[in-house]
Amino acid sequence: MVGETMADKTIVKPDTTTKTKTAPKTKRPPLYKVILLNDDYTPREFVVLVLKAVFRMGEETANRVMMTAHRRGACVIAVYTRDVAETKAKEATELGKSKGYPLFFTTEPEE
């Protein structure tokens, strides 16, 4: 170190730049409607029973939904993420098939 000058020394400055992490924006999963399609063979009481069992509706709500599907030909039951909507539609449809009814639920993307 004897005989060294300032020009011989390297000065290291600490890195003072701040790096901020930006959390990736999570996109909400698309939602799907579960739709009850009316048919002329499944008893109304059975439709109400399925709506209560699969979609956790109360008696009054299930009756209202069933009558809407009966009058209009179809009725949106609920809106869920795709997996849940498809699972519930399949479960409800299979309940009808297990009793010999053509009860049918379908799904479609919510717009």
Protein backbone atom coordinates (compact mmCIF):
# COMPACT_ATOMS: atom_id res chain seq x y z
CA MET A 1 0.00 0.00 0.00
CA VAL A 2 3.00 2.18 0.34
CA GLY A 3 3.40 4.23 -2.75
CA GLU A 4 -0.15 3.71 -3.98
CA THR A 5 -2.09 6.68 -5.22
CA MET A 6 -5.78 7.28 -5.35
CA ALA A 7 -5.73 6.42 -9.05
CA ASP A 8 -4.57 2.89 -8.16
CA LYS A 9 -7.56 2.21 -5.91
CA THR A 10 -10.91 1.11 -7.26
CA ILE A 11 -13.88 2.45 -5.40
CA VAL A 12 -16.87 0.13 -5.39
CA LYS A 13 -20.24 1.72 -4.76
CA PRO A 14 -22.98 -0.51 -3.40
CA ASP A 15 -25.85 -1.25 -5.76
CA THR A 16 -28.55 1.13 -4.63
CA THR A 17 -31.12 0.37 -7.27
CA THR A 18 -34.34 -0.88 -5.79
CA LYS A 19 -36.04 -3.74 -7.52
CA THR A 20 -39.74 -4.06 -6.89
CA LYS A 21 -41.49 -7.29 -7.46
CA THR A 22 -44.78 -6.92 -9.20
CA ALA A 23 -47.20 -9.63 -8.33
CA PRO A 24 -48.71 -11.16 -11.43
CA LYS A 25 -52.33 -10.22 -11.82
CA THR A 26 -54.41 -13.30 -11.38
CA LYS A 27 -57.24 -13.47 -13.83
CA ARG A 28 -60.55 -14.65 -12.45
CA PRO A 29 -61.69 -17.92 -13.96
CA PRO A 30 -64.50 -17.61 -16.48
CA LEU A 31 -67.97 -18.29 -15.14
CA TYR A 32 -70.52 -20.70 -16.56
CA LYS A 33 -74.30 -20.78 -16.26
CA VAL A 34 -76.09 -23.98 -15.33
CA ILE A 35 -79.33 -24.16 -17.30
CA LEU A 36 -82.36 -26.36 -16.64
CA LEU A 37 -84.10 -27.43 -19.85
CA ASN A 38 -87.80 -28.16 -19.65
CA ASP A 39 -89.24 -31.48 -20.75
CA ASP A 40 -92.81 -32.76 -20.77
CA TYR A 41 -92.14 -35.97 -18.85
CA THR A 42 -90.21 -35.28 -15.65
CA PRO A 43 -92.64 -34.63 -12.77
CA ARG A 44 -92.45 -31.12 -11.36
CA GLU A 45 -92.03 -32.48 -7.84
CA PHE A 46 -88.95 -34.43 -8.92
CA VAL A 47 -87.41 -31.35 -10.57
CA VAL A 48 -87.90 -29.44 -7.31
CA LEU A 49 -86.32 -32.30 -5.36
CA VAL A 50 -83.23 -32.24 -7.63
CA LEU A 51 -82.90 -28.45 -7.41
CA LYS A 52 -83.00 -28.66 -3.62
CA ALA A 53 -80.53 -31.56 -3.43
CA VAL A 54 -77.93 -30.51 -5.99
CA PHE A 55 -78.20 -26.72 -5.96
CA ARG A 56 -79.12 -26.28 -2.27
CA MET A 57 -82.26 -24.29 -3.05
CA GLY A 58 -85.08 -23.76 -0.64
CA GLU A 59 -88.55 -25.07 -1.48
CA GLU A 60 -89.89 -21.71 -2.68
CA THR A 61 -86.87 -20.91 -4.86
CA ALA A 62 -86.82 -24.40 -6.37
CA ASN A 63 -90.53 -24.13 -7.24
CA ARG A 64 -90.02 -20.71 -8.82
CA VAL A 65 -87.06 -21.95 -10.91
CA MET A 66 -88.96 -25.06 -12.00
CA MET A 67 -91.98 -23.00 -13.07
CA THR A 68 -89.77 -20.55 -14.97
CA ALA A 69 -88.20 -23.43 -16.92
CA HIS A 70 -91.68 -24.91 -17.49
CA ARG A 71 -93.05 -21.65 -18.91
CA ARG A 72 -90.00 -20.47 -20.86
CA GLY A 73 -88.46 -23.78 -21.88
CA ALA A 74 -85.24 -23.15 -19.94
CA CYS A 75 -84.01 -21.36 -16.84
CA VAL A 76 -80.58 -20.36 -15.54
CA ILE A 77 -80.14 -22.16 -12.23
CA ALA A 78 -76.84 -20.73 -11.00
CA VAL A 79 -73.44 -19.44 -12.11
CA TYR A 80 -70.21 -21.16 -11.12
CA THR A 81 -66.68 -21.71 -12.35
CA ARG A 82 -66.57 -24.15 -15.26
CA ASP A 83 -65.63 -27.26 -13.25
CA VAL A 84 -68.30 -26.70 -10.62
CA ALA A 85 -70.97 -25.85 -13.20
CA GLU A 86 -70.25 -28.95 -15.28
CA THR A 87 -70.13 -31.20 -12.21
CA LYS A 88 -73.47 -29.95 -10.86
CA ALA A 89 -75.17 -30.13 -14.27
CA LYS A 90 -73.95 -33.70 -14.72
CA GLU A 91 -75.01 -34.72 -11.20
CA ALA A 92 -78.50 -33.26 -11.63
CA THR A 93 -78.95 -34.84 -15.07
CA GLU A 94 -77.81 -38.23 -13.76
CA LEU A 95 -80.32 -38.06 -10.91
CA GLY A 96 -83.07 -37.77 -13.51
CA LYS A 97 -81.67 -40.60 -15.61
CA SER A 98 -81.40 -42.85 -12.55
CA LYS A 99 -85.18 -42.54 -12.15
CA GLY A 100 -85.88 -42.91 -15.87
CA TYR A 101 -86.62 -39.22 -16.54
CA PRO A 102 -85.23 -37.13 -19.41
CA LEU A 103 -84.37 -34.30 -16.99
CA PHE A 104 -81.47 -32.36 -18.50
CA PHE A 105 -79.16 -29.61 -17.29
CA THR A 106 -76.53 -27.97 -19.47
CA THR A 107 -73.84 -25.30 -19.11
CA GLU A 108 -72.73 -22.34 -21.18
CA PRO A 109 -70.27 -19.48 -20.65
CA GLU A 110 -71.61 -16.41 -18.92
CA GLU A 111 -71.23 -13.30 -21.01
